[in-house]
C-alpha atoms as a PDB file:
ATOM      1  CA  MET A   1      -7.013   8.688  25.623  1.00  0.00           C
ATOM      2  CA  PRO A   2      -7.968   8.323  22.169  1.00  0.00           C
ATOM      3  CA  ILE A   3      -5.619   9.813  18.980  1.00  0.00           C
ATOM      4  CA  PHE A   4      -7.928  11.355  16.265  1.00  0.00           C
ATOM      5  CA  LEU A   5      -6.294  11.540  12.671  1.00  0.00           C
ATOM      6  CA  SER A   6      -6.888  13.727  10.160  1.00  0.00           C
ATOM      7  CA  VAL A   7      -7.662  13.129   6.397  1.00  0.00           C
ATOM      8  CA  ASP A   8      -4.054  14.564   6.294  1.00  0.00           C
ATOM      9  CA  GLU A   9      -2.925  12.425   8.153  1.00  0.00           C
ATOM     10  CA  ALA A  10      -4.505   9.382   7.369  1.00  0.00           C
ATOM     11  CA  LEU A  11      -3.155  10.401   3.469  1.00  0.00           C
ATOM     12  CA  GLN A  12       0.571  10.833   5.177  1.00  0.00           C
ATOM     13  CA  ILE A  13       0.615   7.415   5.906  1.00  0.00           C
ATOM     14  CA  ALA A  14      -0.969   6.008   2.477  1.00  0.00           C
ATOM     15  CA  GLU A  15       2.207   7.687   1.033  1.00  0.00           C
ATOM     16  CA  GLN A  16       4.357   6.261   3.851  1.00  0.00           C
ATOM     17  CA  VAL A  17       3.299   3.396   2.778  1.00  0.00           C
ATOM     18  CA  GLU A  18       3.782   3.353  -1.023  1.00  0.00           C
ATOM     19  CA  ARG A  19       7.076   4.613  -0.279  1.00  0.00           C
ATOM     20  CA  ASN A  20       7.742   1.316   1.728  1.00  0.00           C
ATOM     21  CA  GLY A  21       6.726  -0.673  -0.768  1.00  0.00           C
ATOM     22  CA  SER A  22       8.786   0.802  -3.370  1.00  0.00           C
ATOM     23  CA  ARG A  23      11.662   0.823  -2.012  1.00  0.00           C
ATOM     24  CA  PHE A  24      10.600  -3.068  -0.934  1.00  0.00           C
ATOM     25  CA  TYR A  25      10.613  -3.892  -4.673  1.00  0.00           C
ATOM     26  CA  ARG A  26      13.378  -1.967  -5.670  1.00  0.00           C
ATOM     27  CA  ARG A  27      15.854  -3.470  -2.939  1.00  0.00           C
ATOM     28  CA  ALA A  28      14.280  -7.217  -3.867  1.00  0.00           C
ATOM     29  CA  SER A  29      15.357  -6.695  -7.930  1.00  0.00           C
ATOM     30  CA  GLN A  30      18.359  -6.395  -6.615  1.00  0.00           C
ATOM     31  CA  GLY A  31      18.908  -9.700  -6.138  1.00  0.00           C
ATOM     32  CA  PHE A  32      18.023 -11.374  -9.256  1.00  0.00           C
ATOM     33  CA  ALA A  33      20.157 -10.300 -12.539  1.00  0.00           C
ATOM     34  CA  GLU A  34      17.430 -12.789 -14.348  1.00  0.00           C
ATOM     35  CA  SER A  35      15.650 -10.620 -16.613  1.00  0.00           C
ATOM     36  CA  ASN A  36      11.736 -11.350 -16.169  1.00  0.00           C
ATOM     37  CA  ALA A  37      11.837 -11.268 -12.339  1.00  0.00           C
ATOM     38  CA  ARG A  38      13.826  -8.024 -11.545  1.00  0.00           C
ATOM     39  CA  ASN A  39      11.517  -6.385 -14.715  1.00  0.00           C
ATOM     40  CA  LEU A  40       8.710  -7.092 -12.612  1.00  0.00           C
ATOM     41  CA  LEU A  41       9.928  -5.626  -9.199  1.00  0.00           C
ATOM     42  CA  LEU A  42      11.118  -2.764 -10.890  1.00  0.00           C
ATOM     43  CA  ASP A  43       7.955  -2.145 -12.717  1.00  0.00           C
ATOM     44  CA  LEU A  44       5.725  -2.768  -9.320  1.00  0.00           C
ATOM     45  CA  ALA A  45       7.884  -0.056  -7.718  1.00  0.00           C
ATOM     46  CA  ILE A  46       7.257   1.922 -11.065  1.00  0.00           C
ATOM     47  CA  MET A  47       3.686   1.589  -9.906  1.00  0.00           C
ATOM     48  CA  GLU A  48       3.998   2.436  -6.155  1.00  0.00           C
ATOM     49  CA  ASP A  49       5.485   5.508  -6.772  1.00  0.00           C
ATOM     50  CA  LYS A  50       2.498   6.571  -9.045  1.00  0.00           C
ATOM     51  CA  HIS A  51       0.227   5.761  -6.336  1.00  0.00           C
ATOM     52  CA  GLU A  52       2.560   7.949  -3.809  1.00  0.00           C
ATOM     53  CA  LYS A  53       2.172  10.565  -6.198  1.00  0.00           C
ATOM     54  CA  ALA A  54      -1.953  10.049  -6.041  1.00  0.00           C
ATOM     55  CA  PHE A  55      -1.769  10.441  -2.696  1.00  0.00           C
ATOM     56  CA  ALA A  56       0.427  13.295  -2.210  1.00  0.00           C
ATOM     57  CA  ALA A  57      -2.415  14.970  -5.049  1.00  0.00           C
ATOM     58  CA  LEU A  58      -4.947  14.243  -2.741  1.00  0.00           C
ATOM     59  CA  ARG A  59      -3.116  15.653   0.435  1.00  0.00           C
ATOM     60  CA  ALA A  60      -2.667  18.711  -1.671  1.00  0.00           C
ATOM     61  CA  ALA A  61      -6.122  19.134  -2.720  1.00  0.00           C
ATOM     62  CA  LEU A  62      -7.261  19.205   0.944  1.00  0.00           C
ATOM     63  CA  SER A  63      -8.848  21.989   2.668  1.00  0.00           C
ATOM     64  CA  LEU A  64      -7.558  24.042   6.091  1.00  0.00           C
ATOM     65  CA  LYS A  65     -10.957  21.878   7.366  1.00  0.00           C
ATOM     66  CA  GLU A  66      -9.982  18.879   6.178  1.00  0.00           C
ATOM     67  CA  LYS A  67      -6.481  18.956   7.641  1.00  0.00           C
ATOM     68  CA  GLU A  68      -7.773  18.962  10.787  1.00  0.00           C
ATOM     69  CA  PRO A  69      -8.260  16.434  13.206  1.00  0.00           C
ATOM     70  CA  MET A  70     -11.395  14.672  12.959  1.00  0.00           C
ATOM     71  CA  ALA A  71     -13.633  12.906  15.399  1.00  0.00           C
ATOM     72  CA  PRO A  72     -14.516   9.160  14.948  1.00  0.00           C
ATOM     73  CA  ASP A  73     -16.468   7.940  12.107  1.00  0.00           C
ATOM     74  CA  PRO A  74     -20.632   7.750  12.405  1.00  0.00           C
ATOM     75  CA  TYR A  75     -20.191   3.617  12.327  1.00  0.00           C
ATOM     76  CA  ASP A  76     -17.185   3.773  14.985  1.00  0.00           C
ATOM     77  CA  LYS A  77     -15.043   1.962  12.575  1.00  0.00           C
ATOM     78  CA  ALA A  78     -12.026   3.573  10.351  1.00  0.00           C
ATOM     79  CA  VAL A  79     -10.796   5.841  12.593  1.00  0.00           C
ATOM     80  CA  PRO A  80     -10.337   3.044  14.975  1.00  0.00           C
ATOM     81  CA  TYR A  81      -9.057   0.688  12.648  1.00  0.00           C
ATOM     82  CA  LEU A  82      -6.605   3.337  11.379  1.00  0.00           C
ATOM     83  CA  GLN A  83      -5.374   4.623  14.412  1.00  0.00           C
ATOM     84  CA  GLY A  84      -4.216   0.787  14.722  1.00  0.00           C
ATOM     85  CA  LEU A  85      -2.205   1.562  11.691  1.00  0.00           C
ATOM     86  CA  ALA A  86      -0.739   4.285  12.988  1.00  0.00           C
ATOM     87  CA  ASP A  87       0.320   2.786  16.497  1.00  0.00           C
ATOM     88  CA  GLY A  88       1.999   0.178  15.059  1.00  0.00           C
ATOM     89  CA  THR A  89      -0.817  -1.961  16.369  1.00  0.00           C
ATOM     90  CA  LEU A  90      -2.148  -3.578  13.448  1.00  0.00           C
ATOM     91  CA  VAL A  91       0.534  -3.556  10.927  1.00  0.00           C
ATOM     92  CA  ASP A  92       3.705  -1.409  11.423  1.00  0.00           C
ATOM     93  CA  VAL A  93       3.287   1.047   8.032  1.00  0.00           C
ATOM     94  CA  THR A  94       6.084   3.345   9.520  1.00  0.00           C
ATOM     95  CA  ALA A  95       8.213   0.070   9.541  1.00  0.00           C
ATOM     96  CA  ASP A  96      10.315  -0.203   5.890  1.00  0.00           C
ATOM     97  CA  PRO A  97       9.581  -3.788   4.565  1.00  0.00           C
ATOM     98  CA  SER A  98      13.051  -3.234   2.312  1.00  0.00           C
ATOM     99  CA  GLU A  99      14.845  -3.966   5.648  1.00  0.00           C
ATOM    100  CA  ARG A 100      13.735  -7.002   6.005  1.00  0.00           C
ATOM    101  CA  LEU A 101      15.119  -8.543   2.845  1.00  0.00           C
ATOM    102  CA  THR A 102      18.685 -10.340   3.494  1.00  0.00           C
ATOM    103  CA  GLY A 103      19.356 -10.646  -0.450  1.00  0.00           C
ATOM    104  CA  LYS A 104      18.759 -14.309  -0.091  1.00  0.00           C
ATOM    105  CA  GLU A 105      15.425 -14.154  -0.277  1.00  0.00           C
ATOM    106  CA  THR A 106      14.234 -16.850  -3.736  1.00  0.00           C
ATOM    107  CA  ILE A 107      12.101 -14.668  -6.106  1.00  0.00           C
ATOM    108  CA  GLU A 108       8.600 -16.944  -4.585  1.00  0.00           C
ATOM    109  CA  GLU A 109       9.802 -15.312  -1.084  1.00  0.00           C
ATOM    110  CA  ILE A 110       9.890 -12.008  -2.358  1.00  0.00           C
ATOM    111  CA  LEU A 111       6.224 -12.405  -4.260  1.00  0.00           C
ATOM    112  CA  GLU A 112       4.495 -14.317  -1.414  1.00  0.00           C
ATOM    113  CA  THR A 113       6.037 -11.275   1.282  1.00  0.00           C
ATOM    114  CA  ALA A 114       4.848  -9.004  -1.564  1.00  0.00           C
ATOM    115  CA  VAL A 115       1.192 -10.127  -1.244  1.00  0.00           C
ATOM    116  CA  GLY A 116       0.487  -9.970   1.956  1.00  0.00           C
ATOM    117  CA  LEU A 117       2.253  -6.340   1.525  1.00  0.00           C
ATOM    118  CA  GLU A 118      -0.715  -5.508  -0.998  1.00  0.00           C
ATOM    119  CA  LYS A 119      -3.221  -7.171   1.230  1.00  0.00           C
ATOM    120  CA  ASP A 120      -2.320  -4.444   3.760  1.00  0.00           C
ATOM    121  CA  SER A 121      -2.090  -1.853   1.887  1.00  0.00           C
ATOM    122  CA  ILE A 122      -5.710  -2.797   0.314  1.00  0.00           C
ATOM    123  CA  ILE A 123      -7.258  -2.914   4.268  1.00  0.00           C
ATOM    124  CA  LEU A 124      -5.408   0.391   5.533  1.00  0.00           C
ATOM    125  CA  TYR A 125      -6.215   2.615   2.035  1.00  0.00           C
ATOM    126  CA  LEU A 126     -10.617   0.715   2.217  1.00  0.00           C
ATOM    127  CA  GLY A 127     -10.246   2.589   5.945  1.00  0.00           C
ATOM    128  CA  ILE A 128      -9.056   5.831   4.587  1.00  0.00           C
ATOM    129  CA  LYS A 129     -11.623   5.753   1.556  1.00  0.00           C
ATOM    130  CA  ARG A 130     -14.243   6.089   4.648  1.00  0.00           C
ATOM    131  CA  MET A 131     -12.850   8.882   5.774  1.00  0.00           C
ATOM    132  CA  ILE A 132     -12.347  11.122   3.065  1.00  0.00           C
ATOM    133  CA  PRO A 133     -15.266  13.734   1.788  1.00  0.00           C
ATOM    134  CA  GLU A 134     -17.591  12.884  -0.712  1.00  0.00           C
ATOM    135  CA  GLY A 135     -16.425  16.665  -2.613  1.00  0.00           C
ATOM    136  CA  LEU A 136     -12.168  15.057  -2.532  1.00  0.00           C
ATOM    137  CA  ASP A 137     -11.653  12.801  -5.258  1.00  0.00           C
ATOM    138  CA  ARG A 138     -12.722   9.123  -3.532  1.00  0.00           C
ATOM    139  CA  HIS A 139     -12.512   7.504  -7.295  1.00  0.00           C
ATOM    140  CA  ARG A 140      -8.640   8.133  -6.985  1.00  0.00           C
ATOM    141  CA  ILE A 141      -8.832   5.863  -4.099  1.00  0.00           C
ATOM    142  CA  ASN A 142     -11.013   3.548  -5.523  1.00  0.00           C
ATOM    143  CA  ALA A 143      -8.327   3.225  -8.342  1.00  0.00           C
ATOM    144  CA  ILE A 144      -5.489   2.754  -6.298  1.00  0.00           C
ATOM    145  CA  ILE A 145      -6.926  -0.653  -4.656  1.00  0.00           C
ATOM    146  CA  GLU A 146      -8.083  -1.715  -8.378  1.00  0.00           C
ATOM    147  CA  ALA A 147      -4.388  -1.227  -9.058  1.00  0.00           C
ATOM    148  CA  GLU A 148      -3.188  -2.798  -5.591  1.00  0.00           C
ATOM    149  CA  MET A 149      -5.651  -6.231  -6.163  1.00  0.00           C
ATOM    150  CA  GLY A 150      -4.093  -6.378  -9.958  1.00  0.00           C
ATOM    151  CA  HIS A 151      -0.882  -5.833  -7.853  1.00  0.00           C
ATOM    152  CA  ILE A 152      -1.901  -9.374  -5.893  1.00  0.00           C
ATOM    153  CA  ALA A 153      -3.304 -10.948  -9.518  1.00  0.00           C
ATOM    154  CA  LEU A 154      -0.092 -10.083 -10.758  1.00  0.00           C
ATOM    155  CA  LEU A 155       2.337 -11.267  -7.671  1.00  0.00           C
ATOM    156  CA  THR A 156      -0.256 -14.199  -7.588  1.00  0.00           C
ATOM    157  CA  LYS A 157      -0.447 -15.357 -11.197  1.00  0.00           C
ATOM    158  CA  GLU A 158       3.673 -15.269 -11.141  1.00  0.00           C
ATOM    159  CA  LEU A 159       3.889 -17.223  -8.075  1.00  0.00           C
ATOM    160  CA  ALA A 160       1.484 -19.998 -10.294  1.00  0.00           C
ATOM    161  CA  SER A 161       3.781 -19.733 -13.062  1.00  0.00           C
ATOM    162  CA  LEU A 162       6.897 -20.854 -10.834  1.00  0.00           C
ATOM    163  CA  ASN A 163       5.660 -23.704  -8.928  1.00  0.00           C
ATOM    164  CA  GLY A 164       4.605 -25.218 -12.179  1.00  0.00           C
ATOM    165  CA  VAL A 165       0.441 -24.228 -11.497  1.00  0.00           C
ATOM    166  CA  LYS A 166      -1.716 -23.185 -14.633  1.00  0.00           C
ATOM    167  CA  THR A 167      -3.674 -20.065 -14.268  1.00  0.00           C
ATOM    168  CA  PRO A 168      -6.511 -19.056 -16.376  1.00  0.00           C
ATOM    169  CA  ALA A 169      -5.779 -16.387 -18.682  1.00  0.00           C
END
């Protein structure tokens, strides 16, 4: 039996993903006394905090009708995907990625994990964007997607520099 998500529920999932990301970066930062790695991870945590607040603001702006469970989207793509995320079939968005940290990870391992988490969040947000009614600040979700893409670029650049690979400026 299909479970229909509301826009409100989808945005709650997005808020949880951002909380998880923030927690992951903060916990990962604790393993590094070296200031560059620690500062990078803490900066990323702060960025995730801002995204969580943006999703909360979108949720607060929803009308009662928009908070009701929705029927499948006309292309039958967004809702099944989000349902897969919500029930943990695709990616368990309720799992806290910081719990996987042992404190023994290298900065390279943390950055590689972070790239994967950022990719998962982008895919989630693309699905959520399809559910957002036209009149409701879709540009905010676009901005968050762009920021997450920027996180991937930053993380990839950091990984390359740690591995001695030159990247274009």
